[in-house]
PDB file of N, CA and C in Angstrom:
ATOM      1  N   MET A   1       8.528  61.946  58.756  1.00  0.00           N
ATOM      2  CA  MET A   1       7.509  61.299  57.958  1.00  0.00           C
ATOM      3  C   MET A   1       8.159  60.781  56.676  1.00  0.00           C
ATOM      4  N   ALA A   2       7.859  59.544  56.328  1.00  0.00           N
ATOM      5  CA  ALA A   2       8.468  58.918  55.149  1.00  0.00           C
ATOM      6  C   ALA A   2       7.732  59.338  53.891  1.00  0.00           C
ATOM      7  N   GLU A   3       8.514  59.514  52.829  1.00  0.00           N
ATOM      8  CA  GLU A   3       7.918  59.840  51.536  1.00  0.00           C
ATOM      9  C   GLU A   3       7.326  58.586  50.918  1.00  0.00           C
ATOM     10  N   SER A   4       6.245  58.748  50.204  1.00  0.00           N
ATOM     11  CA  SER A   4       5.700  57.598  49.485  1.00  0.00           C
ATOM     12  C   SER A   4       6.515  57.380  48.216  1.00  0.00           C
ATOM     13  N   ASP A   5       6.376  56.221  47.620  1.00  0.00           N
ATOM     14  CA  ASP A   5       7.124  55.912  46.404  1.00  0.00           C
ATOM     15  C   ASP A   5       6.706  56.807  45.247  1.00  0.00           C
ATOM     16  N   TYR A   6       5.469  57.287  45.271  1.00  0.00           N
ATOM     17  CA  TYR A   6       5.012  58.139  44.174  1.00  0.00           C
ATOM     18  C   TYR A   6       5.623  59.533  44.248  1.00  0.00           C
ATOM     19  N   THR A   7       5.826  60.080  45.440  1.00  0.00           N
ATOM     20  CA  THR A   7       6.408  61.421  45.554  1.00  0.00           C
ATOM     21  C   THR A   7       7.923  61.386  45.459  1.00  0.00           C
ATOM     22  N   ARG A   8       8.533  60.278  45.765  1.00  0.00           N
ATOM     23  CA  ARG A   8       9.989  60.167  45.707  1.00  0.00           C
ATOM     24  C   ARG A   8      10.498  60.208  44.273  1.00  0.00           C
ATOM     25  N   TYR A   9       9.746  59.644  43.340  1.00  0.00           N
ATOM     26  CA  TYR A   9      10.156  59.588  41.939  1.00  0.00           C
ATOM     27  C   TYR A   9       9.191  60.419  41.109  1.00  0.00           C
ATOM     28  N   PRO A  10       9.513  61.697  40.890  1.00  0.00           N
ATOM     29  CA  PRO A  10       8.576  62.531  40.135  1.00  0.00           C
ATOM     30  C   PRO A  10       8.431  62.049  38.705  1.00  0.00           C
ATOM     31  N   ARG A  11       7.275  62.271  38.154  1.00  0.00           N
ATOM     32  CA  ARG A  11       6.993  61.825  36.795  1.00  0.00           C
ATOM     33  C   ARG A  11       7.553  62.825  35.793  1.00  0.00           C
ATOM     34  N   ALA A  12       8.079  62.304  34.688  1.00  0.00           N
ATOM     35  CA  ALA A  12       8.709  63.149  33.681  1.00  0.00           C
ATOM     36  C   ALA A  12       7.665  63.894  32.866  1.00  0.00           C
ATOM     37  N   LYS A  13       8.054  65.070  32.402  1.00  0.00           N
ATOM     38  CA  LYS A  13       7.167  65.861  31.548  1.00  0.00           C
ATOM     39  C   LYS A  13       7.561  65.606  30.097  1.00  0.00           C
ATOM     40  N   THR A  14       6.716  64.875  29.369  1.00  0.00           N
ATOM     41  CA  THR A  14       6.970  64.568  27.968  1.00  0.00           C
ATOM     42  C   THR A  14       5.666  64.688  27.203  1.00  0.00           C
ATOM     43  N   ASN A  15       5.682  64.293  25.942  1.00  0.00           N
ATOM     44  CA  ASN A  15       4.437  64.333  25.171  1.00  0.00           C
ATOM     45  C   ASN A  15       3.469  63.271  25.697  1.00  0.00           C
ATOM     46  N   ALA A  16       2.253  63.248  25.159  1.00  0.00           N
ATOM     47  CA  ALA A  16       1.197  62.387  25.713  1.00  0.00           C
ATOM     48  C   ALA A  16       1.579  60.907  25.680  1.00  0.00           C
ATOM     49  N   MET A  17       2.110  60.421  24.532  1.00  0.00           N
ATOM     50  CA  MET A  17       2.459  59.007  24.445  1.00  0.00           C
ATOM     51  C   MET A  17       3.656  58.688  25.342  1.00  0.00           C
ATOM     52  N   GLY A  18       4.620  59.571  25.365  1.00  0.00           N
ATOM     53  CA  GLY A  18       5.771  59.370  26.250  1.00  0.00           C
ATOM     54  C   GLY A  18       5.360  59.397  27.704  1.00  0.00           C
ATOM     55  N   GLN A  19       4.392  60.242  28.047  1.00  0.00           N
ATOM     56  CA  GLN A  19       3.894  60.315  29.419  1.00  0.00           C
ATOM     57  C   GLN A  19       3.236  59.001  29.827  1.00  0.00           C
ATOM     58  N   ILE A  20       2.496  58.400  28.907  1.00  0.00           N
ATOM     59  CA  ILE A  20       1.838  57.126  29.204  1.00  0.00           C
ATOM     60  C   ILE A  20       2.875  56.056  29.512  1.00  0.00           C
ATOM     61  N   PHE A  21       3.908  55.952  28.671  1.00  0.00           N
ATOM     62  CA  PHE A  21       4.923  54.922  28.890  1.00  0.00           C
ATOM     63  C   PHE A  21       5.765  55.214  30.120  1.00  0.00           C
ATOM     64  N   THR A  22       6.032  56.497  30.372  1.00  0.00           N
ATOM     65  CA  THR A  22       6.785  56.854  31.578  1.00  0.00           C
ATOM     66  C   THR A  22       5.987  56.472  32.819  1.00  0.00           C
ATOM     67  N   ASN A  23       4.709  56.800  32.821  1.00  0.00           N
ATOM     68  CA  ASN A  23       3.860  56.427  33.959  1.00  0.00           C
ATOM     69  C   ASN A  23       3.771  54.915  34.108  1.00  0.00           C
ATOM     70  N   LEU A  24       3.692  54.203  32.994  1.00  0.00           N
ATOM     71  CA  LEU A  24       3.624  52.745  33.037  1.00  0.00           C
ATOM     72  C   LEU A  24       4.888  52.164  33.666  1.00  0.00           C
ATOM     73  N   ILE A  25       6.027  52.679  33.269  1.00  0.00           N
ATOM     74  CA  ILE A  25       7.296  52.181  33.822  1.00  0.00           C
ATOM     75  C   ILE A  25       7.365  52.469  35.315  1.00  0.00           C
ATOM     76  N   HIS A  26       6.974  53.675  35.732  1.00  0.00           N
ATOM     77  CA  HIS A  26       6.973  53.996  37.168  1.00  0.00           C
ATOM     78  C   HIS A  26       6.027  53.081  37.932  1.00  0.00           C
ATOM     79  N   ASP A  27       4.841  52.848  37.372  1.00  0.00           N
ATOM     80  CA  ASP A  27       3.862  51.991  38.048  1.00  0.00           C
ATOM     81  C   ASP A  27       4.341  50.549  38.132  1.00  0.00           C
ATOM     82  N   LEU A  28       4.992  50.054  37.080  1.00  0.00           N
ATOM     83  CA  LEU A  28       5.520  48.682  37.113  1.00  0.00           C
ATOM     84  C   LEU A  28       6.634  48.547  38.144  1.00  0.00           C
ATOM     85  N   ARG A  29       7.502  49.548  38.213  1.00  0.00           N
ATOM     86  CA  ARG A  29       8.561  49.516  39.238  1.00  0.00           C
ATOM     87  C   ARG A  29       7.952  49.486  40.632  1.00  0.00           C
ATOM     88  N   PHE A  30       6.940  50.326  40.844  1.00  0.00           N
ATOM     89  CA  PHE A  30       6.270  50.355  42.142  1.00  0.00           C
ATOM     90  C   PHE A  30       5.619  49.009  42.448  1.00  0.00           C
ATOM     91  N   ALA A  31       4.967  48.412  41.449  1.00  0.00           N
ATOM     92  CA  ALA A  31       4.320  47.112  41.647  1.00  0.00           C
ATOM     93  C   ALA A  31       5.339  46.036  42.016  1.00  0.00           C
ATOM     94  N   PHE A  32       6.481  46.018  41.328  1.00  0.00           N
ATOM     95  CA  PHE A  32       7.499  45.002  41.642  1.00  0.00           C
ATOM     96  C   PHE A  32       8.097  45.216  43.033  1.00  0.00           C
ATOM     97  N   ARG A  33       8.245  46.482  43.455  1.00  0.00           N
ATOM     98  CA  ARG A  33       8.732  46.727  44.819  1.00  0.00           C
ATOM     99  C   ARG A  33       7.730  46.209  45.840  1.00  0.00           C
ATOM    100  N   GLN A  34       6.453  46.422  45.590  1.00  0.00           N
ATOM    101  CA  GLN A  34       5.435  45.938  46.521  1.00  0.00           C
ATOM    102  C   GLN A  34       5.393  44.414  46.556  1.00  0.00           C
ATOM    103  N   ILE A  35       5.596  43.786  45.396  1.00  0.00           N
ATOM    104  CA  ILE A  35       5.616  42.315  45.355  1.00  0.00           C
ATOM    105  C   ILE A  35       6.805  41.781  46.157  1.00  0.00           C
ATOM    106  N   ARG A  36       7.945  42.464  46.039  1.00  0.00           N
ATOM    107  CA  ARG A  36       9.111  42.023  46.821  1.00  0.00           C
ATOM    108  C   ARG A  36       8.885  42.202  48.317  1.00  0.00           C
ATOM    109  N   LYS A  37       8.126  43.229  48.699  1.00  0.00           N
ATOM    110  CA  LYS A  37       7.863  43.463  50.121  1.00  0.00           C
ATOM    111  C   LYS A  37       6.888  42.438  50.685  1.00  0.00           C
ATOM    112  N   GLN A  38       5.901  42.025  49.888  1.00  0.00           N
ATOM    113  CA  GLN A  38       4.863  41.101  50.359  1.00  0.00           C
ATOM    114  C   GLN A  38       4.676  39.966  49.353  1.00  0.00           C
ATOM    115  N   PRO A  39       5.618  39.030  49.281  1.00  0.00           N
ATOM    116  CA  PRO A  39       5.486  37.956  48.287  1.00  0.00           C
ATOM    117  C   PRO A  39       4.326  37.006  48.575  1.00  0.00           C
ATOM    118  N   GLY A  40       3.936  36.853  49.830  1.00  0.00           N
ATOM    119  CA  GLY A  40       2.812  35.975  50.172  1.00  0.00           C
ATOM    120  C   GLY A  40       1.509  36.486  49.579  1.00  0.00           C
ATOM    121  N   PHE A  41       1.292  37.792  49.679  1.00  0.00           N
ATOM    122  CA  PHE A  41       0.088  38.389  49.106  1.00  0.00           C
ATOM    123  C   PHE A  41       0.066  38.200  47.600  1.00  0.00           C
ATOM    124  N   ALA A  42       1.215  38.404  46.948  1.00  0.00           N
ATOM    125  CA  ALA A  42       1.293  38.243  45.494  1.00  0.00           C
ATOM    126  C   ALA A  42       1.002  36.796  45.099  1.00  0.00           C
ATOM    127  N   LEU A  43       1.530  35.843  45.851  1.00  0.00           N
ATOM    128  CA  LEU A  43       1.298  34.430  45.556  1.00  0.00           C
ATOM    129  C   LEU A  43      -0.180  34.078  45.697  1.00  0.00           C
ATOM    130  N   ILE A  44      -0.799  34.562  46.765  1.00  0.00           N
ATOM    131  CA  ILE A  44      -2.224  34.281  46.965  1.00  0.00           C
ATOM    132  C   ILE A  44      -3.053  34.918  45.857  1.00  0.00           C
ATOM    133  N   ALA A  45      -2.702  36.143  45.458  1.00  0.00           N
ATOM    134  CA  ALA A  45      -3.439  36.811  44.382  1.00  0.00           C
ATOM    135  C   ALA A  45      -3.323  36.037  43.078  1.00  0.00           C
ATOM    136  N   VAL A  46      -2.136  35.536  42.764  1.00  0.00           N
ATOM    137  CA  VAL A  46      -1.946  34.762  41.530  1.00  0.00           C
ATOM    138  C   VAL A  46      -2.722  33.451  41.592  1.00  0.00           C
ATOM    139  N   ILE A  47      -2.720  32.795  42.737  1.00  0.00           N
ATOM    140  CA  ILE A  47      -3.454  31.531  42.896  1.00  0.00           C
ATOM    141  C   ILE A  47      -4.958  31.768  42.737  1.00  0.00           C
ATOM    142  N   VAL A  48      -5.484  32.812  43.374  1.00  0.00           N
ATOM    143  CA  VAL A  48      -6.921  33.101  43.289  1.00  0.00           C
ATOM    144  C   VAL A  48      -7.307  33.438  41.846  1.00  0.00           C
ATOM    145  N   LEU A  49      -6.502  34.247  41.177  1.00  0.00           N
ATOM    146  CA  LEU A  49      -6.789  34.566  39.779  1.00  0.00           C
ATOM    147  C   LEU A  49      -6.746  33.316  38.908  1.00  0.00           C
ATOM    148  N   GLY A  50      -5.754  32.468  39.124  1.00  0.00           N
ATOM    149  CA  GLY A  50      -5.646  31.234  38.350  1.00  0.00           C
ATOM    150  C   GLY A  50      -6.844  30.321  38.558  1.00  0.00           C
ATOM    151  N   LEU A  51      -7.276  30.177  39.814  1.00  0.00           N
ATOM    152  CA  LEU A  51      -8.444  29.332  40.092  1.00  0.00           C
ATOM    153  C   LEU A  51      -9.711  29.922  39.479  1.00  0.00           C
ATOM    154  N   GLY A  52      -9.859  31.231  39.543  1.00  0.00           N
ATOM    155  CA  GLY A  52     -11.034  31.869  38.970  1.00  0.00           C
ATOM    156  C   GLY A  52     -11.083  31.719  37.458  1.00  0.00           C
ATOM    157  N   ILE A  53      -9.965  31.966  36.803  1.00  0.00           N
ATOM    158  CA  ILE A  53      -9.920  31.840  35.344  1.00  0.00           C
ATOM    159  C   ILE A  53     -10.087  30.385  34.933  1.00  0.00           C
ATOM    160  N   GLY A  54      -9.430  29.476  35.633  1.00  0.00           N
ATOM    161  CA  GLY A  54      -9.554  28.051  35.318  1.00  0.00           C
ATOM    162  C   GLY A  54     -10.969  27.535  35.529  1.00  0.00           C
ATOM    163  N   GLY A  55     -11.600  27.950  36.627  1.00  0.00           N
ATOM    164  CA  GLY A  55     -12.975  27.523  36.895  1.00  0.00           C
ATOM    165  C   GLY A  55     -13.951  28.055  35.854  1.00  0.00           C
ATOM    166  N   SER A  56     -13.795  29.309  35.486  1.00  0.00           N
ATOM    167  CA  SER A  56     -14.665  29.890  34.461  1.00  0.00           C
ATOM    168  C   SER A  56     -14.490  29.173  33.131  1.00  0.00           C
ATOM    169  N   THR A  57     -13.254  28.869  32.781  1.00  0.00           N
ATOM    170  CA  THR A  57     -12.983  28.164  31.531  1.00  0.00           C
ATOM    171  C   THR A  57     -13.596  26.770  31.544  1.00  0.00           C
ATOM    172  N   ALA A  58     -13.471  26.073  32.667  1.00  0.00           N
ATOM    173  CA  ALA A  58     -14.027  24.723  32.763  1.00  0.00           C
ATOM    174  C   ALA A  58     -15.552  24.741  32.644  1.00  0.00           C
ATOM    175  N   VAL A  59     -16.206  25.667  33.336  1.00  0.00           N
ATOM    176  CA  VAL A  59     -17.664  25.747  33.274  1.00  0.00           C
ATOM    177  C   VAL A  59     -18.113  26.098  31.863  1.00  0.00           C
ATOM    178  N   PHE A  60     -17.454  27.066  31.231  1.00  0.00           N
ATOM    179  CA  PHE A  60     -17.836  27.431  29.872  1.00  0.00           C
ATOM    180  C   PHE A  60     -17.634  26.262  28.918  1.00  0.00           C
ATOM    181  N   SER A  61     -16.541  25.514  29.074  1.00  0.00           N
ATOM    182  CA  SER A  61     -16.290  24.372  28.191  1.00  0.00           C
ATOM    183  C   SER A  61     -17.390  23.320  28.313  1.00  0.00           C
ATOM    184  N   VAL A  62     -17.800  23.035  29.536  1.00  0.00           N
ATOM    185  CA  VAL A  62     -18.867  22.044  29.750  1.00  0.00           C
ATOM    186  C   VAL A  62     -20.178  22.546  29.162  1.00  0.00           C
ATOM    187  N   LEU A  63     -20.517  23.801  29.439  1.00  0.00           N
ATOM    188  CA  LEU A  63     -21.768  24.346  28.906  1.00  0.00           C
ATOM    189  C   LEU A  63     -21.746  24.407  27.384  1.00  0.00           C
ATOM    190  N   TYR A  64     -20.609  24.737  26.810  1.00  0.00           N
ATOM    191  CA  TYR A  64     -20.523  24.795  25.352  1.00  0.00           C
ATOM    192  C   TYR A  64     -20.743  23.419  24.745  1.00  0.00           C
ATOM    193  N   GLN A  65     -20.070  22.405  25.310  1.00  0.00           N
ATOM    194  CA  GLN A  65     -20.210  21.055  24.772  1.00  0.00           C
ATOM    195  C   GLN A  65     -21.626  20.515  24.970  1.00  0.00           C
ATOM    196  N   ALA A  66     -22.271  20.845  26.096  1.00  0.00           N
ATOM    197  CA  ALA A  66     -23.576  20.268  26.397  1.00  0.00           C
ATOM    198  C   ALA A  66     -24.738  21.046  25.784  1.00  0.00           C
ATOM    199  N   LEU A  67     -24.636  22.363  25.724  1.00  0.00           N
ATOM    200  CA  LEU A  67     -25.803  23.154  25.331  1.00  0.00           C
ATOM    201  C   LEU A  67     -25.628  23.979  24.064  1.00  0.00           C
ATOM    202  N   LEU A  68     -24.464  24.517  23.840  1.00  0.00           N
ATOM    203  CA  LEU A  68     -24.303  25.499  22.775  1.00  0.00           C
ATOM    204  C   LEU A  68     -23.789  24.934  21.460  1.00  0.00           C
ATOM    205  N   LYS A  69     -22.995  23.887  21.523  1.00  0.00           N
ATOM    206  CA  LYS A  69     -22.408  23.327  20.305  1.00  0.00           C
ATOM    207  C   LYS A  69     -23.507  22.670  19.472  1.00  0.00           C
ATOM    208  N   PRO A  70     -23.571  22.963  18.179  1.00  0.00           N
ATOM    209  CA  PRO A  70     -24.601  22.321  17.349  1.00  0.00           C
ATOM    210  C   PRO A  70     -24.387  20.810  17.272  1.00  0.00           C
ATOM    211  N   LEU A  71     -25.496  20.092  17.151  1.00  0.00           N
ATOM    212  CA  LEU A  71     -25.422  18.636  17.063  1.00  0.00           C
ATOM    213  C   LEU A  71     -24.815  18.216  15.726  1.00  0.00           C
ATOM    214  N   PRO A  72     -24.091  17.097  15.690  1.00  0.00           N
ATOM    215  CA  PRO A  72     -23.407  16.689  14.455  1.00  0.00           C
ATOM    216  C   PRO A  72     -24.320  15.940  13.482  1.00  0.00           C
ATOM    217  N   TYR A  73     -25.555  16.381  13.333  1.00  0.00           N
ATOM    218  CA  TYR A  73     -26.502  15.745  12.421  1.00  0.00           C
ATOM    219  C   TYR A  73     -26.968  16.764  11.393  1.00  0.00           C
ATOM    220  N   ARG A  74     -27.328  16.256  10.220  1.00  0.00           N
ATOM    221  CA  ARG A  74     -27.913  17.127   9.210  1.00  0.00           C
ATOM    222  C   ARG A  74     -29.283  17.577   9.697  1.00  0.00           C
ATOM    223  N   ASP A  75     -29.611  18.832   9.560  1.00  0.00           N
ATOM    224  CA  ASP A  75     -30.877  19.419  10.018  1.00  0.00           C
ATOM    225  C   ASP A  75     -31.133  19.119  11.491  1.00  0.00           C
ATOM    226  N   ALA A  76     -30.140  19.384  12.316  1.00  0.00           N
ATOM    227  CA  ALA A  76     -30.235  19.086  13.747  1.00  0.00           C
ATOM    228  C   ALA A  76     -31.358  19.861  14.429  1.00  0.00           C
ATOM    229  N   GLN A  77     -31.741  21.013  13.891  1.00  0.00           N
ATOM    230  CA  GLN A  77     -32.810  21.801  14.500  1.00  0.00           C
ATOM    231  C   GLN A  77     -34.166  21.126  14.359  1.00  0.00           C
ATOM    232  N   GLN A  78     -34.275  20.087  13.510  1.00  0.00           N
ATOM    233  CA  GLN A  78     -35.543  19.405  13.313  1.00  0.00           C
ATOM    234  C   GLN A  78     -35.664  18.122  14.131  1.00  0.00           C
ATOM    235  N   LEU A  79     -34.655  17.799  14.941  1.00  0.00           N
ATOM    236  CA  LEU A  79     -34.733  16.607  15.785  1.00  0.00           C
ATOM    237  C   LEU A  79     -35.756  16.813  16.899  1.00  0.00           C
ATOM    238  N   LEU A  80     -36.408  15.747  17.299  1.00  0.00           N
ATOM    239  CA  LEU A  80     -37.407  15.797  18.358  1.00  0.00           C
ATOM    240  C   LEU A  80     -37.022  14.856  19.476  1.00  0.00           C
ATOM    241  N   PHE A  81     -37.533  15.123  20.648  1.00  0.00           N
ATOM    242  CA  PHE A  81     -37.340  14.253  21.795  1.00  0.00           C
ATOM    243  C   PHE A  81     -38.707  13.709  22.180  1.00  0.00           C
ATOM    244  N   VAL A  82     -38.859  12.387  22.129  1.00  0.00           N
ATOM    245  CA  VAL A  82     -40.133  11.749  22.451  1.00  0.00           C
ATOM    246  C   VAL A  82     -39.955  11.000  23.768  1.00  0.00           C
ATOM    247  N   HIS A  83     -40.916  11.207  24.679  1.00  0.00           N
ATOM    248  CA  HIS A  83     -40.854  10.501  25.956  1.00  0.00           C
ATOM    249  C   HIS A  83     -42.268  10.138  26.379  1.00  0.00           C
ATOM    250  N   ASN A  84     -42.359   9.288  27.370  1.00  0.00           N
ATOM    251  CA  ASN A  84     -43.639   8.780  27.826  1.00  0.00           C
ATOM    252  C   ASN A  84     -43.881   9.262  29.252  1.00  0.00           C
ATOM    253  N   VAL A  85     -45.099   9.707  29.524  1.00  0.00           N
ATOM    254  CA  VAL A  85     -45.471  10.131  30.869  1.00  0.00           C
ATOM    255  C   VAL A  85     -46.557   9.190  31.356  1.00  0.00           C
ATOM    256  N   PHE A  86     -46.310   8.524  32.465  1.00  0.00           N
ATOM    257  CA  PHE A  86     -47.272   7.583  33.019  1.00  0.00           C
ATOM    258  C   PHE A  86     -48.171   8.309  34.017  1.00  0.00           C
ATOM    259  N   PRO A  87     -49.438   7.937  34.038  1.00  0.00           N
ATOM    260  CA  PRO A  87     -50.326   8.511  35.067  1.00  0.00           C
ATOM    261  C   PRO A  87     -49.851   8.076  36.450  1.00  0.00           C
ATOM    262  N   LYS A  88     -50.262   8.815  37.442  1.00  0.00           N
ATOM    263  CA  LYS A  88     -49.844   8.523  38.809  1.00  0.00           C
ATOM    264  C   LYS A  88     -50.306   7.113  39.213  1.00  0.00           C
ATOM    265  N   ASN A  89     -49.445   6.375  39.915  1.00  0.00           N
ATOM    266  CA  ASN A  89     -49.705   5.018  40.405  1.00  0.00           C
ATOM    267  C   ASN A  89     -49.862   3.999  39.284  1.00  0.00           C
ATOM    268  N   GLN A  90     -49.345   4.244  38.113  1.00  0.00           N
ATOM    269  CA  GLN A  90     -49.401   3.265  37.030  1.00  0.00           C
ATOM    270  C   GLN A  90     -48.019   3.123  36.410  1.00  0.00           C
ATOM    271  N   VAL A  91     -47.798   1.948  35.833  1.00  0.00           N
ATOM    272  CA  VAL A  91     -46.582   1.694  35.096  1.00  0.00           C
ATOM    273  C   VAL A  91     -46.974   1.352  33.672  1.00  0.00           C
ATOM    274  N   SER A  92     -45.990   1.072  32.822  1.00  0.00           N
ATOM    275  CA  SER A  92     -46.316   0.761  31.429  1.00  0.00           C
ATOM    276  C   SER A  92     -47.186  -0.501  31.365  1.00  0.00           C
ATOM    277  N   GLY A  93     -48.073  -0.579  30.415  1.00  0.00           N
ATOM    278  CA  GLY A  93     -48.989  -1.704  30.274  1.00  0.00           C
ATOM    279  C   GLY A  93     -50.311  -1.457  30.965  1.00  0.00           C
ATOM    280  N   GLY A  94     -50.465  -0.354  31.690  1.00  0.00           N
ATOM    281  CA  GLY A  94     -51.730  -0.007  32.286  1.00  0.00           C
ATOM    282  C   GLY A  94     -52.014  -0.722  33.593  1.00  0.00           C
ATOM    283  N   ARG A  95     -51.091  -1.520  34.148  1.00  0.00           N
ATOM    284  CA  ARG A  95     -51.349  -2.207  35.406  1.00  0.00           C
ATOM    285  C   ARG A  95     -51.155  -1.253  36.565  1.00  0.00           C
ATOM    286  N   ARG A  96     -52.003  -1.389  37.569  1.00  0.00           N
ATOM    287  CA  ARG A  96     -51.879  -0.557  38.755  1.00  0.00           C
ATOM    288  C   ARG A  96     -50.880  -1.167  39.730  1.00  0.00           C
ATOM    289  N   LEU A  97     -50.214  -0.296  40.431  1.00  0.00           N
ATOM    290  CA  LEU A  97     -49.288  -0.756  41.470  1.00  0.00           C
ATOM    291  C   LEU A  97     -50.077  -1.067  42.735  1.00  0.00           C
ATOM    292  N   ARG A  98     -49.762  -2.157  43.370  1.00  0.00           N
ATOM    293  CA  ARG A  98     -50.395  -2.494  44.641  1.00  0.00           C
ATOM    294  C   ARG A  98     -49.414  -2.145  45.751  1.00  0.00           C
ATOM    295  N   VAL A  99     -49.925  -1.430  46.687  1.00  0.00           N
ATOM    296  CA  VAL A  99     -49.060  -0.978  47.763  1.00  0.00           C
ATOM    297  C   VAL A  99     -49.283  -1.772  49.016  1.00  0.00           C
TER     298      VAL A  99
END
C-alpha cells in the first residue's frame, strides 16, 4: 500500500506561528506536486476562475455605470422623468387607429 503525501512528510513540531508556516509550506509543496501530475485539471481550474472573476467584474461595472453611479448633475436626486401614456387604440392627437 502506498503512503499518501501527507503521511510521508511529517509535520514539524514548533510554536503556533511556525506551525502555520510549516503547514503552509507542506501544503504548497503538495499542491504543486498535484499540479504537475494533472496539468490539464489545473489549466481548466484557472480558466474557469478567470472567466468567473472576469464575468462578475464586467456585470458589476455595467450595473455600477447604469444604476449605482450618481448622475453628473447638481441636485441629481431631484430630477424627474416625464412620459406620456396613450389610451388603448389611440395615438397622440386623440385620433383613433382604424384597423
